[in-house]
Amino acid sequence: MTSPAVDDAYERLRSLIHSGELMPNERLVEADLAQRLQVSRAIVRTALVRLGQDGVVVHTPHRGARVRVVTDAEAVEILQARAVLEALTARQAAARATAREIAGIRRALAGMERKLADGDLLGYSDGNAALHAAIIAAARHETAARLIAGLRGQMVRFQFRTILVPGRAPDSLAEHTAIVDAIAGRDPDAAEKAMRHHLSHVEAALSRRR
């Protein structure tokens, strides 16, 4: 069991990695991170060990810790694993989501539509992540949510790449609309199928960008 201070440092460091502020293969110097987070080096060290267990950070003897570099081939494998888990969460969300949660999912989709209309692909990508997070939360499947969080943490530098494939953004929006409609319609089979269809197209787009 870790302390609240370690939990906070872990979450903040993971957020820095997810946002790209700490880049792949960047050396993670305990003293610098401790100063940045305003915590002790011991807390940073423990947080880095946890991130290593998540596969986000790699520790090398006598060289310290670095942000792990995920290869293109690994990214495809991670996406395939995510597809299985997120199809499950889409199914569960269709069965379990409250009316309020469905309204939140629809708001996230509407936000994506606005970003796409504005030509804001980075904003669209952020909205995409928010929509998937809302679906996962509505599923109330803690094990799937934990595993997906670990997998997503290794995909930072790939999450914006696929949306840059020509023509991909409008197709992506249509795929997300199908997922949301199935969840709102309380159709678990259709929600699972729509999520699998969507992530198979993400995989194809990622492969084209390799």
N, C-alpha and C. Protein backbone atom coordinates (compact mmCIF):
# COMPACT_ATOMS: atom_id res chain seq x y z
N MET A 1 0.85 -1.19 0.00
CA MET A 1 0.00 0.00 0.00
C MET A 1 0.88 1.24 0.00
N THR A 2 0.61 2.18 -0.91
CA THR A 2 1.43 3.38 -1.01
C THR A 2 0.76 4.56 -0.30
N SER A 3 1.55 5.61 -0.11
CA SER A 3 1.04 6.78 0.57
C SER A 3 0.34 7.70 -0.43
N PRO A 4 -0.53 8.61 0.07
CA PRO A 4 -1.18 9.56 -0.82
C PRO A 4 -0.17 10.41 -1.60
N ALA A 5 0.97 10.73 -0.99
CA ALA A 5 1.99 11.53 -1.67
C ALA A 5 2.58 10.78 -2.86
N VAL A 6 2.81 9.47 -2.69
CA VAL A 6 3.32 8.65 -3.79
C VAL A 6 2.26 8.52 -4.88
N ASP A 7 1.01 8.29 -4.46
CA ASP A 7 -0.08 8.18 -5.44
C ASP A 7 -0.19 9.44 -6.28
N ASP A 8 -0.08 10.60 -5.62
CA ASP A 8 -0.17 11.88 -6.33
C ASP A 8 0.99 12.05 -7.30
N ALA A 9 2.20 11.73 -6.85
CA ALA A 9 3.38 11.85 -7.73
C ALA A 9 3.26 10.91 -8.92
N TYR A 10 2.78 9.72 -8.67
CA TYR A 10 2.59 8.73 -9.74
C TYR A 10 1.61 9.26 -10.79
N GLU A 11 0.49 9.79 -10.35
CA GLU A 11 -0.52 10.31 -11.28
C GLU A 11 0.01 11.51 -12.06
N ARG A 12 0.75 12.38 -11.38
CA ARG A 12 1.28 13.57 -12.06
C ARG A 12 2.34 13.20 -13.08
N LEU A 13 3.21 12.26 -12.73
CA LEU A 13 4.23 11.82 -13.68
C LEU A 13 3.59 11.10 -14.86
N ARG A 14 2.60 10.27 -14.60
CA ARG A 14 1.91 9.57 -15.68
C ARG A 14 1.24 10.58 -16.61
N SER A 15 0.67 11.63 -16.04
CA SER A 15 0.03 12.66 -16.85
C SER A 15 1.06 13.38 -17.73
N LEU A 16 2.24 13.65 -17.17
CA LEU A 16 3.30 14.31 -17.95
C LEU A 16 3.76 13.43 -19.11
N ILE A 17 3.78 12.14 -18.88
CA ILE A 17 4.16 11.21 -19.95
C ILE A 17 3.05 11.11 -20.98
N HIS A 18 1.82 10.99 -20.52
CA HIS A 18 0.69 10.88 -21.43
C HIS A 18 0.55 12.12 -22.31
N SER A 19 0.82 13.29 -21.75
CA SER A 19 0.67 14.53 -22.50
C SER A 19 1.83 14.77 -23.46
N GLY A 20 2.90 14.00 -23.30
CA GLY A 20 4.07 14.19 -24.16
C GLY A 20 5.06 15.19 -23.61
N GLU A 21 4.78 15.76 -22.43
CA GLU A 21 5.75 16.70 -21.84
C GLU A 21 7.04 15.97 -21.47
N LEU A 22 6.90 14.72 -21.07
CA LEU A 22 8.07 13.86 -20.89
C LEU A 22 8.06 12.91 -22.09
N MET A 23 9.06 13.04 -22.94
CA MET A 23 9.07 12.38 -24.24
C MET A 23 9.62 10.96 -24.18
N PRO A 24 9.26 10.12 -25.18
CA PRO A 24 9.84 8.78 -25.25
C PRO A 24 11.36 8.81 -25.25
N ASN A 25 11.95 7.97 -24.44
CA ASN A 25 13.40 7.82 -24.25
C ASN A 25 14.02 8.96 -23.45
N GLU A 26 13.20 9.87 -22.95
CA GLU A 26 13.74 10.96 -22.12
C GLU A 26 14.19 10.40 -20.78
N ARG A 27 15.38 10.83 -20.35
CA ARG A 27 15.92 10.38 -19.06
C ARG A 27 15.15 11.06 -17.94
N LEU A 28 14.78 10.28 -16.94
CA LEU A 28 13.99 10.77 -15.82
C LEU A 28 14.90 10.90 -14.60
N VAL A 29 15.36 12.10 -14.36
CA VAL A 29 16.30 12.38 -13.27
C VAL A 29 15.51 12.64 -11.99
N GLU A 30 15.73 11.82 -10.98
CA GLU A 30 14.95 11.90 -9.75
C GLU A 30 15.00 13.31 -9.13
N ALA A 31 16.21 13.88 -9.07
CA ALA A 31 16.35 15.20 -8.43
C ALA A 31 15.55 16.26 -9.19
N ASP A 32 15.60 16.22 -10.51
CA ASP A 32 14.86 17.20 -11.30
C ASP A 32 13.35 17.03 -11.14
N LEU A 33 12.90 15.79 -11.15
CA LEU A 33 11.47 15.52 -11.01
C LEU A 33 10.98 15.88 -9.61
N ALA A 34 11.82 15.61 -8.60
CA ALA A 34 11.45 15.95 -7.23
C ALA A 34 11.26 17.46 -7.09
N GLN A 35 12.16 18.23 -7.73
CA GLN A 35 12.03 19.69 -7.68
C GLN A 35 10.79 20.14 -8.45
N ARG A 36 10.55 19.52 -9.58
CA ARG A 36 9.39 19.89 -10.41
C ARG A 36 8.07 19.61 -9.69
N LEU A 37 8.01 18.49 -8.98
CA LEU A 37 6.78 18.11 -8.29
C LEU A 37 6.72 18.61 -6.86
N GLN A 38 7.83 19.15 -6.39
CA GLN A 38 7.93 19.64 -5.01
C GLN A 38 7.67 18.51 -4.00
N VAL A 39 8.36 17.39 -4.24
CA VAL A 39 8.28 16.25 -3.32
C VAL A 39 9.70 15.72 -3.12
N SER A 40 9.84 14.72 -2.26
CA SER A 40 11.16 14.16 -2.00
C SER A 40 11.57 13.21 -3.12
N ARG A 41 12.88 12.96 -3.22
CA ARG A 41 13.38 12.02 -4.22
C ARG A 41 12.87 10.60 -3.94
N ALA A 42 12.68 10.27 -2.67
CA ALA A 42 12.19 8.93 -2.32
C ALA A 42 10.79 8.72 -2.89
N ILE A 43 9.97 9.76 -2.83
CA ILE A 43 8.61 9.66 -3.38
C ILE A 43 8.67 9.49 -4.89
N VAL A 44 9.52 10.27 -5.55
CA VAL A 44 9.68 10.15 -7.00
C VAL A 44 10.17 8.74 -7.36
N ARG A 45 11.13 8.25 -6.61
CA ARG A 45 11.70 6.92 -6.90
C ARG A 45 10.61 5.85 -6.83
N THR A 46 9.77 5.92 -5.80
CA THR A 46 8.69 4.93 -5.66
C THR A 46 7.67 5.05 -6.78
N ALA A 47 7.36 6.29 -7.15
CA ALA A 47 6.41 6.51 -8.25
C ALA A 47 6.96 5.97 -9.56
N LEU A 48 8.26 6.13 -9.78
CA LEU A 48 8.88 5.62 -11.01
C LEU A 48 8.87 4.09 -11.05
N VAL A 49 9.03 3.47 -9.89
CA VAL A 49 8.93 2.01 -9.84
C VAL A 49 7.55 1.55 -10.28
N ARG A 50 6.52 2.24 -9.81
CA ARG A 50 5.15 1.90 -10.21
C ARG A 50 4.95 2.10 -11.70
N LEU A 51 5.50 3.18 -12.23
CA LEU A 51 5.38 3.42 -13.67
C LEU A 51 6.12 2.37 -14.48
N GLY A 52 7.20 1.87 -13.90
CA GLY A 52 7.92 0.77 -14.53
C GLY A 52 7.07 -0.49 -14.57
N GLN A 53 6.32 -0.73 -13.50
CA GLN A 53 5.43 -1.89 -13.45
C GLN A 53 4.31 -1.76 -14.48
N ASP A 54 3.94 -0.52 -14.79
CA ASP A 54 2.90 -0.27 -15.80
C ASP A 54 3.44 -0.42 -17.22
N GLY A 55 4.77 -0.49 -17.36
CA GLY A 55 5.36 -0.57 -18.69
C GLY A 55 5.54 0.78 -19.35
N VAL A 56 5.40 1.85 -18.58
CA VAL A 56 5.51 3.21 -19.12
C VAL A 56 6.95 3.72 -19.01
N VAL A 57 7.66 3.25 -18.00
CA VAL A 57 9.03 3.65 -17.73
C VAL A 57 9.91 2.40 -17.72
N VAL A 58 11.13 2.55 -18.20
CA VAL A 58 12.07 1.43 -18.18
C VAL A 58 13.28 1.83 -17.33
N HIS A 59 13.72 0.91 -16.47
CA HIS A 59 14.87 1.15 -15.60
C HIS A 59 16.06 0.33 -16.11
N THR A 60 17.19 1.02 -16.27
CA THR A 60 18.42 0.38 -16.73
C THR A 60 19.48 0.51 -15.66
N PRO A 61 20.13 -0.59 -15.26
CA PRO A 61 21.17 -0.52 -14.22
C PRO A 61 22.25 0.52 -14.56
N HIS A 62 22.57 1.35 -13.58
CA HIS A 62 23.62 2.36 -13.68
C HIS A 62 23.26 3.53 -14.64
N ARG A 63 22.08 3.49 -15.23
CA ARG A 63 21.69 4.56 -16.15
C ARG A 63 20.38 5.22 -15.74
N GLY A 64 19.68 4.64 -14.77
CA GLY A 64 18.46 5.25 -14.28
C GLY A 64 17.24 4.90 -15.11
N ALA A 65 16.23 5.76 -14.99
CA ALA A 65 14.94 5.51 -15.64
C ALA A 65 14.76 6.40 -16.87
N ARG A 66 14.05 5.87 -17.84
CA ARG A 66 13.68 6.62 -19.04
C ARG A 66 12.24 6.32 -19.40
N VAL A 67 11.62 7.24 -20.12
CA VAL A 67 10.29 6.97 -20.66
C VAL A 67 10.43 5.88 -21.71
N ARG A 68 9.64 4.86 -21.59
CA ARG A 68 9.77 3.71 -22.50
C ARG A 68 9.38 4.08 -23.92
N VAL A 69 10.15 3.62 -24.87
CA VAL A 69 9.85 3.80 -26.29
C VAL A 69 9.04 2.60 -26.76
N VAL A 70 7.87 2.88 -27.30
CA VAL A 70 7.01 1.83 -27.85
C VAL A 70 7.21 1.79 -29.36
N THR A 71 7.56 0.63 -29.90
CA THR A 71 7.76 0.50 -31.33
C THR A 71 6.42 0.47 -32.06
N ASP A 72 6.47 0.70 -33.37
CA ASP A 72 5.24 0.65 -34.16
C ASP A 72 4.58 -0.73 -34.06
N ALA A 73 5.38 -1.78 -34.09
CA ALA A 73 4.83 -3.14 -34.01
C ALA A 73 4.14 -3.36 -32.66
N GLU A 74 4.76 -2.88 -31.59
CA GLU A 74 4.16 -3.01 -30.27
C GLU A 74 2.86 -2.22 -30.20
N ALA A 75 2.84 -1.04 -30.83
CA ALA A 75 1.64 -0.21 -30.81
C ALA A 75 0.46 -0.94 -31.42
N VAL A 76 0.71 -1.66 -32.51
CA VAL A 76 -0.36 -2.43 -33.14
C VAL A 76 -0.85 -3.52 -32.18
N GLU A 77 0.08 -4.21 -31.51
CA GLU A 77 -0.31 -5.26 -30.56
C GLU A 77 -1.11 -4.68 -29.40
N ILE A 78 -0.68 -3.53 -28.91
CA ILE A 78 -1.40 -2.88 -27.81
C ILE A 78 -2.81 -2.52 -28.25
N LEU A 79 -2.93 -2.00 -29.46
CA LEU A 79 -4.23 -1.62 -29.98
C LEU A 79 -5.14 -2.85 -30.12
N GLN A 80 -4.59 -3.96 -30.53
CA GLN A 80 -5.37 -5.19 -30.64
C GLN A 80 -5.88 -5.65 -29.28
N ALA A 81 -5.03 -5.52 -28.27
CA ALA A 81 -5.46 -5.87 -26.91
C ALA A 81 -6.53 -4.91 -26.41
N ARG A 82 -6.34 -3.63 -26.70
CA ARG A 82 -7.34 -2.63 -26.32
C ARG A 82 -8.68 -2.92 -26.96
N ALA A 83 -8.66 -3.38 -28.21
CA ALA A 83 -9.91 -3.64 -28.93
C ALA A 83 -10.77 -4.65 -28.19
N VAL A 84 -10.13 -5.70 -27.66
CA VAL A 84 -10.87 -6.71 -26.91
C VAL A 84 -11.48 -6.11 -25.66
N LEU A 85 -10.68 -5.34 -24.93
CA LEU A 85 -11.15 -4.76 -23.67
C LEU A 85 -12.19 -3.67 -23.88
N GLU A 86 -11.97 -2.82 -24.87
CA GLU A 86 -12.91 -1.73 -25.08
C GLU A 86 -14.22 -2.21 -25.71
N ALA A 87 -14.17 -3.30 -26.45
CA ALA A 87 -15.41 -3.90 -26.94
C ALA A 87 -16.24 -4.38 -25.75
N LEU A 88 -15.56 -4.94 -24.75
CA LEU A 88 -16.23 -5.36 -23.52
C LEU A 88 -16.86 -4.17 -22.80
N THR A 89 -16.11 -3.07 -22.69
CA THR A 89 -16.65 -1.91 -21.98
C THR A 89 -17.82 -1.29 -22.74
N ALA A 90 -17.79 -1.31 -24.06
CA ALA A 90 -18.91 -0.78 -24.84
C ALA A 90 -20.16 -1.64 -24.58
N ARG A 91 -19.96 -2.95 -24.56
CA ARG A 91 -21.08 -3.86 -24.27
C ARG A 91 -21.65 -3.59 -22.88
N GLN A 92 -20.76 -3.46 -21.91
CA GLN A 92 -21.19 -3.24 -20.53
C GLN A 92 -21.86 -1.87 -20.37
N ALA A 93 -21.34 -0.87 -21.06
CA ALA A 93 -21.95 0.46 -20.99
C ALA A 93 -23.36 0.44 -21.53
N ALA A 94 -23.57 -0.30 -22.62
CA ALA A 94 -24.93 -0.38 -23.19
C ALA A 94 -25.90 -1.01 -22.21
N ALA A 95 -25.39 -1.90 -21.37
CA ALA A 95 -26.25 -2.58 -20.40
C ALA A 95 -26.38 -1.82 -19.08
N ARG A 96 -25.37 -1.03 -18.73
CA ARG A 96 -25.31 -0.47 -17.38
C ARG A 96 -25.40 1.05 -17.29
N ALA A 97 -25.16 1.76 -18.36
CA ALA A 97 -25.07 3.22 -18.28
C ALA A 97 -26.40 3.84 -17.80
N THR A 98 -26.29 4.83 -16.95
CA THR A 98 -27.47 5.58 -16.52
C THR A 98 -27.83 6.60 -17.59
N ALA A 99 -29.00 7.17 -17.46
CA ALA A 99 -29.42 8.21 -18.41
C ALA A 99 -28.45 9.39 -18.36
N ARG A 100 -27.97 9.73 -17.17
CA ARG A 100 -27.02 10.83 -17.05
C ARG A 100 -25.70 10.49 -17.74
N GLU A 101 -25.24 9.27 -17.60
CA GLU A 101 -23.99 8.86 -18.26
C GLU A 101 -24.14 8.87 -19.78
N ILE A 102 -25.28 8.42 -20.26
CA ILE A 102 -25.51 8.45 -21.70
C ILE A 102 -25.53 9.88 -22.21
N ALA A 103 -26.13 10.77 -21.44
CA ALA A 103 -26.14 12.19 -21.83
C ALA A 103 -24.71 12.72 -21.88
N GLY A 104 -23.87 12.31 -20.94
CA GLY A 104 -22.47 12.74 -20.94
C GLY A 104 -21.72 12.19 -22.13
N ILE A 105 -22.00 10.95 -22.49
CA ILE A 105 -21.36 10.35 -23.66
C ILE A 105 -21.78 11.10 -24.93
N ARG A 106 -23.05 11.45 -25.01
CA ARG A 106 -23.52 12.21 -26.18
C ARG A 106 -22.88 13.60 -26.24
N ARG A 107 -22.68 14.23 -25.08
CA ARG A 107 -22.02 15.54 -25.05
C ARG A 107 -20.58 15.43 -25.55
N ALA A 108 -19.91 14.36 -25.15
CA ALA A 108 -18.53 14.15 -25.62
C ALA A 108 -18.50 13.99 -27.13
N LEU A 109 -19.46 13.26 -27.69
CA LEU A 109 -19.54 13.09 -29.14
C LEU A 109 -19.81 14.43 -29.82
N ALA A 110 -20.70 15.22 -29.25
CA ALA A 110 -21.02 16.53 -29.82
C ALA A 110 -19.78 17.42 -29.82
N GLY A 111 -18.98 17.32 -28.77
CA GLY A 111 -17.73 18.09 -28.72
C GLY A 111 -16.78 17.68 -29.82
N MET A 112 -16.71 16.40 -30.12
CA MET A 112 -15.88 15.92 -31.22
C MET A 112 -16.37 16.48 -32.55
N GLU A 113 -17.68 16.50 -32.72
CA GLU A 113 -18.26 17.04 -33.96
C GLU A 113 -17.87 18.50 -34.15
N ARG A 114 -17.91 19.28 -33.06
CA ARG A 114 -17.55 20.70 -33.15
C ARG A 114 -16.07 20.87 -33.50
N LYS A 115 -15.22 20.09 -32.86
CA LYS A 115 -13.78 20.19 -33.14
C LYS A 115 -13.48 19.83 -34.59
N LEU A 116 -14.14 18.82 -35.11
CA LEU A 116 -13.91 18.42 -36.49
C LEU A 116 -14.39 19.51 -37.45
N ALA A 117 -15.54 20.09 -37.15
CA ALA A 117 -16.08 21.17 -37.99
C ALA A 117 -15.14 22.37 -38.01
N ASP A 118 -14.45 22.60 -36.88
CA ASP A 118 -13.51 23.72 -36.78
C ASP A 118 -12.14 23.37 -37.37
N GLY A 119 -11.95 22.12 -37.78
CA GLY A 119 -10.64 21.71 -38.30
C GLY A 119 -9.59 21.54 -37.22
N ASP A 120 -10.02 21.40 -35.98
CA ASP A 120 -9.11 21.27 -34.84
C ASP A 120 -8.88 19.79 -34.56
N LEU A 121 -7.90 19.20 -35.24
CA LEU A 121 -7.67 17.77 -35.11
C LEU A 121 -7.09 17.39 -33.76
N LEU A 122 -6.27 18.26 -33.18
CA LEU A 122 -5.75 17.98 -31.84
C LEU A 122 -6.88 17.97 -30.83
N GLY A 123 -7.77 18.97 -30.94
CA GLY A 123 -8.94 19.01 -30.06
C GLY A 123 -9.84 17.80 -30.28
N TYR A 124 -9.95 17.39 -31.54
CA TYR A 124 -10.75 16.21 -31.86
C TYR A 124 -10.15 14.97 -31.19
N SER A 125 -8.83 14.85 -31.25
CA SER A 125 -8.15 13.71 -30.63
C SER A 125 -8.38 13.70 -29.12
N ASP A 126 -8.32 14.88 -28.50
CA ASP A 126 -8.58 14.97 -27.06
C ASP A 126 -10.03 14.57 -26.75
N GLY A 127 -10.96 15.02 -27.61
CA GLY A 127 -12.36 14.67 -27.43
C GLY A 127 -12.60 13.18 -27.59
N ASN A 128 -11.87 12.58 -28.51
CA ASN A 128 -11.92 11.14 -28.72
C ASN A 128 -11.56 10.41 -27.43
N ALA A 129 -10.46 10.83 -26.81
CA ALA A 129 -10.02 10.22 -25.55
C ALA A 129 -11.08 10.39 -24.46
N ALA A 130 -11.70 11.59 -24.43
CA ALA A 130 -12.72 11.86 -23.42
C ALA A 130 -13.95 10.97 -23.63
N LEU A 131 -14.32 10.75 -24.88
CA LEU A 131 -15.47 9.89 -25.17
C LEU A 131 -15.20 8.45 -24.73
N HIS A 132 -14.04 7.94 -25.08
CA HIS A 132 -13.69 6.58 -24.67
C HIS A 132 -13.66 6.47 -23.15
N ALA A 133 -13.15 7.49 -22.48
CA ALA A 133 -13.11 7.48 -21.01
C ALA A 133 -14.52 7.45 -20.43
N ALA A 134 -15.43 8.19 -21.04
CA ALA A 134 -16.81 8.22 -20.55
C ALA A 134 -17.48 6.86 -20.72
N ILE A 135 -17.20 6.19 -21.83
CA ILE A 135 -17.76 4.85 -22.06
C ILE A 135 -17.20 3.86 -21.04
N ILE A 136 -15.89 3.93 -20.82
CA ILE A 136 -15.26 3.03 -19.85
C ILE A 136 -15.83 3.25 -18.46
N ALA A 137 -16.03 4.51 -18.08
CA ALA A 137 -16.58 4.81 -16.75
C ALA A 137 -18.01 4.27 -16.63
N ALA A 138 -18.80 4.41 -17.71
CA ALA A 138 -20.18 3.95 -17.67
C ALA A 138 -20.28 2.43 -17.60
N ALA A 139 -19.24 1.75 -18.07
CA ALA A 139 -19.24 0.27 -18.05
C ALA A 139 -19.13 -0.27 -16.64
N ARG A 140 -18.48 0.50 -15.76
CA ARG A 140 -18.26 0.08 -14.37
C ARG A 140 -17.64 -1.32 -14.29
N HIS A 141 -16.58 -1.48 -15.07
CA HIS A 141 -15.81 -2.74 -15.05
C HIS A 141 -14.39 -2.37 -14.64
N GLU A 142 -14.09 -2.49 -13.35
CA GLU A 142 -12.85 -1.96 -12.81
C GLU A 142 -11.61 -2.63 -13.40
N THR A 143 -11.68 -3.93 -13.61
CA THR A 143 -10.51 -4.63 -14.14
C THR A 143 -10.21 -4.18 -15.56
N ALA A 144 -11.24 -4.10 -16.40
CA ALA A 144 -11.04 -3.63 -17.77
C ALA A 144 -10.52 -2.20 -17.78
N ALA A 145 -11.07 -1.36 -16.93
CA ALA A 145 -10.64 0.04 -16.88
C ALA A 145 -9.17 0.15 -16.50
N ARG A 146 -8.73 -0.65 -15.54
CA ARG A 146 -7.33 -0.62 -15.10
C ARG A 146 -6.40 -1.10 -16.21
N LEU A 147 -6.78 -2.17 -16.88
CA LEU A 147 -5.94 -2.70 -17.95
C LEU A 147 -5.87 -1.73 -19.13
N ILE A 148 -6.99 -1.14 -19.48
CA ILE A 148 -7.00 -0.17 -20.59
C ILE A 148 -6.13 1.03 -20.26
N ALA A 149 -6.20 1.50 -19.02
CA ALA A 149 -5.38 2.66 -18.62
C ALA A 149 -3.90 2.35 -18.80
N GLY A 150 -3.49 1.14 -18.44
CA GLY A 150 -2.10 0.75 -18.62
C GLY A 150 -1.70 0.69 -20.07
N LEU A 151 -2.59 0.18 -20.91
CA LEU A 151 -2.29 0.07 -22.34
C LEU A 151 -2.26 1.45 -23.00
N ARG A 152 -3.19 2.30 -22.64
CA ARG A 152 -3.25 3.64 -23.24
C ARG A 152 -2.01 4.46 -22.88
N GLY A 153 -1.48 4.20 -21.68
CA GLY A 153 -0.30 4.93 -21.25
C GLY A 153 0.91 4.68 -22.13
N GLN A 154 0.91 3.58 -22.87
CA GLN A 154 2.04 3.27 -23.73
C GLN A 154 1.83 3.76 -25.17
N MET A 155 0.69 4.42 -25.41
CA MET A 155 0.33 4.81 -26.78
C MET A 155 0.39 6.31 -27.02
N VAL A 156 1.06 7.04 -26.12
CA VAL A 156 1.02 8.50 -26.17
C VAL A 156 1.38 9.06 -27.54
N ARG A 157 2.51 8.62 -28.08
CA ARG A 157 2.98 9.25 -29.31
C ARG A 157 2.23 8.76 -30.55
N PHE A 158 1.31 7.79 -30.38
CA PHE A 158 0.57 7.28 -31.51
C PHE A 158 -0.86 7.82 -31.56
N GLN A 159 -1.37 8.37 -30.44
CA GLN A 159 -2.79 8.66 -30.35
C GLN A 159 -3.24 9.76 -31.30
N PHE A 160 -2.32 10.69 -31.67
CA PHE A 160 -2.68 11.75 -32.60
C PHE A 160 -2.35 11.38 -34.03
N ARG A 161 -1.43 10.42 -34.18
CA ARG A 161 -0.94 10.09 -35.52
C ARG A 161 -2.04 9.58 -36.45
N THR A 162 -2.90 8.71 -35.95
CA THR A 162 -3.89 8.08 -36.84
C THR A 162 -4.88 9.07 -37.40
N ILE A 163 -5.20 10.11 -36.63
CA ILE A 163 -6.22 11.06 -37.09
C ILE A 163 -5.69 11.91 -38.24
N LEU A 164 -4.37 11.89 -38.46
CA LEU A 164 -3.77 12.67 -39.55
C LEU A 164 -3.84 11.94 -40.90
N VAL A 165 -4.22 10.67 -40.89
CA VAL A 165 -4.39 9.94 -42.16
C VAL A 165 -5.49 10.62 -42.96
N PRO A 166 -5.24 10.99 -44.21
CA PRO A 166 -6.25 11.70 -45.01
C PRO A 166 -7.60 10.98 -45.02
N GLY A 167 -8.65 11.72 -44.69
CA GLY A 167 -10.00 11.17 -44.69
C GLY A 167 -10.37 10.41 -43.44
N ARG A 168 -9.41 10.23 -42.53
CA ARG A 168 -9.66 9.41 -41.36
C ARG A 168 -10.62 10.07 -40.38
N ALA A 169 -10.51 11.38 -40.16
CA ALA A 169 -11.30 12.04 -39.13
C ALA A 169 -12.81 11.89 -39.36
N PRO A 170 -13.34 12.17 -40.57
CA PRO A 170 -14.79 11.99 -40.77
C PRO A 170 -15.23 10.54 -40.57
N ASP A 171 -14.41 9.60 -41.02
CA ASP A 171 -14.73 8.18 -40.81
C ASP A 171 -14.75 7.85 -39.32
N SER A 172 -13.78 8.40 -38.60
CA SER A 172 -13.70 8.18 -37.16
C SER A 172 -14.96 8.69 -36.47
N LEU A 173 -15.42 9.87 -36.87
CA LEU A 173 -16.62 10.43 -36.25
C LEU A 173 -17.83 9.53 -36.51
N ALA A 174 -17.95 9.03 -37.73
CA ALA A 174 -19.07 8.13 -38.05
C ALA A 174 -19.00 6.86 -37.21
N GLU A 175 -17.81 6.35 -37.00
CA GLU A 175 -17.64 5.14 -36.18
C GLU A 175 -18.03 5.41 -34.74
N HIS A 176 -17.62 6.53 -34.20
CA HIS A 176 -17.98 6.87 -32.82
C HIS A 176 -19.48 7.11 -32.69
N THR A 177 -20.09 7.69 -33.70
CA THR A 177 -21.54 7.91 -33.66
C THR A 177 -22.27 6.57 -33.58
N ALA A 178 -21.79 5.57 -34.33
CA ALA A 178 -22.41 4.25 -34.28
C ALA A 178 -22.27 3.62 -32.89
N ILE A 179 -21.11 3.81 -32.28
CA ILE A 179 -20.89 3.28 -30.92
C ILE A 179 -21.86 3.93 -29.94
N VAL A 180 -21.94 5.25 -30.00
CA VAL A 180 -22.79 5.99 -29.06
C VAL A 180 -24.26 5.65 -29.28
N ASP A 181 -24.69 5.56 -30.53
CA ASP A 181 -26.09 5.21 -30.81
C ASP A 181 -26.44 3.84 -30.26
N ALA A 182 -25.51 2.90 -30.37
CA ALA A 182 -25.77 1.55 -29.86
C ALA A 182 -25.86 1.54 -28.33
N ILE A 183 -24.99 2.30 -27.69
CA ILE A 183 -25.04 2.38 -26.23
C ILE A 183 -26.33 3.05 -25.78
N ALA A 184 -26.66 4.16 -26.42
CA ALA A 184 -27.90 4.87 -26.06
C ALA A 184 -29.13 4.03 -26.35
N GLY A 185 -29.03 3.17 -27.36
CA GLY A 185 -30.15 2.30 -27.70
C GLY A 185 -30.21 1.03 -26.87
N ARG A 186 -29.31 0.90 -25.91
CA ARG A 186 -29.26 -0.24 -25.00
C ARG A 186 -29.11 -1.56 -25.77
N ASP A 187 -28.21 -1.53 -26.75
CA ASP A 187 -27.98 -2.72 -27.58
C ASP A 187 -26.53 -3.18 -27.38
N PRO A 188 -26.29 -4.07 -26.41
CA PRO A 188 -24.92 -4.50 -26.13
C PRO A 188 -24.21 -5.13 -27.32
N ASP A 189 -24.91 -5.97 -28.07
CA ASP A 189 -24.28 -6.63 -29.22
C ASP A 189 -23.81 -5.60 -30.24
N ALA A 190 -24.67 -4.63 -30.54
CA ALA A 190 -24.32 -3.61 -31.53
C ALA A 190 -23.20 -2.72 -31.02
N ALA A 191 -23.21 -2.42 -29.71
CA ALA A 191 -22.16 -1.56 -29.14
C ALA A 191 -20.81 -2.25 -29.22
N GLU A 192 -20.78 -3.54 -28.88
CA GLU A 192 -19.53 -4.31 -28.96
C GLU A 192 -19.03 -4.37 -30.40
N LYS A 193 -19.93 -4.66 -31.32
CA LYS A 193 -19.56 -4.76 -32.73
C LYS A 193 -19.05 -3.43 -33.26
N ALA A 194 -19.71 -2.34 -32.89
CA ALA A 194 -19.31 -1.01 -33.37
C ALA A 194 -17.93 -0.63 -32.84
N MET A 195 -17.64 -0.98 -31.58
CA MET A 195 -16.33 -0.66 -31.02
C MET A 195 -15.24 -1.48 -31.69
N ARG A 196 -15.50 -2.75 -31.93
CA ARG A 196 -14.51 -3.58 -32.63
C ARG A 196 -14.26 -3.05 -34.04
N HIS A 197 -15.34 -2.66 -34.72
CA HIS A 197 -15.21 -2.09 -36.07
C HIS A 197 -14.35 -0.83 -36.04
N HIS A 198 -14.62 0.05 -35.08
CA HIS A 198 -13.88 1.30 -34.96
C HIS A 198 -12.39 1.04 -34.73
N LEU A 199 -12.06 0.19 -33.76
CA LEU A 199 -10.66 0.00 -33.42
C LEU A 199 -9.91 -0.80 -34.50
N SER A 200 -10.63 -1.59 -35.27
CA SER A 200 -9.97 -2.26 -36.40
C SER A 200 -9.54 -1.23 -37.45
N HIS A 201 -10.35 -0.18 -37.60
CA HIS A 201 -10.00 0.88 -38.54
C HIS A 201 -8.86 1.75 -37.99
N VAL A 202 -8.82 1.94 -36.67
CA VAL A 202 -7.70 2.66 -36.06
C VAL A 202 -6.41 1.89 -36.30
N GLU A 203 -6.48 0.58 -36.12
CA GLU A 203 -5.31 -0.26 -36.37
C GLU A 203 -4.84 -0.13 -37.82
N ALA A 204 -5.78 -0.15 -38.75
CA ALA A 204 -5.43 -0.03 -40.17
C ALA A 204 -4.79 1.33 -40.45
N ALA A 205 -5.33 2.39 -39.83
CA ALA A 205 -4.78 3.73 -40.03
C ALA A 205 -3.37 3.83 -39.44
N LEU A 206 -3.17 3.21 -38.28
CA LEU A 206 -1.85 3.22 -37.66
C LEU A 206 -0.84 2.49 -38.54
N SER A 207 -1.26 1.38 -39.12
CA SER A 207 -0.37 0.62 -39.99
C SER A 207 0.02 1.43 -41.23
N ARG A 208 -0.92 2.23 -41.73
CA ARG A 208 -0.62 3.05 -42.92
C ARG A 208 0.36 4.17 -42.61
N ARG A 209 0.43 4.58 -41.32
CA ARG A 209 1.32 5.67 -40.93
C ARG A 209 2.69 5.18 -40.53
N ARG A 210 2.92 3.86 -40.54
CA ARG A 210 4.21 3.31 -40.09
C ARG A 210 5.31 3.60 -41.10
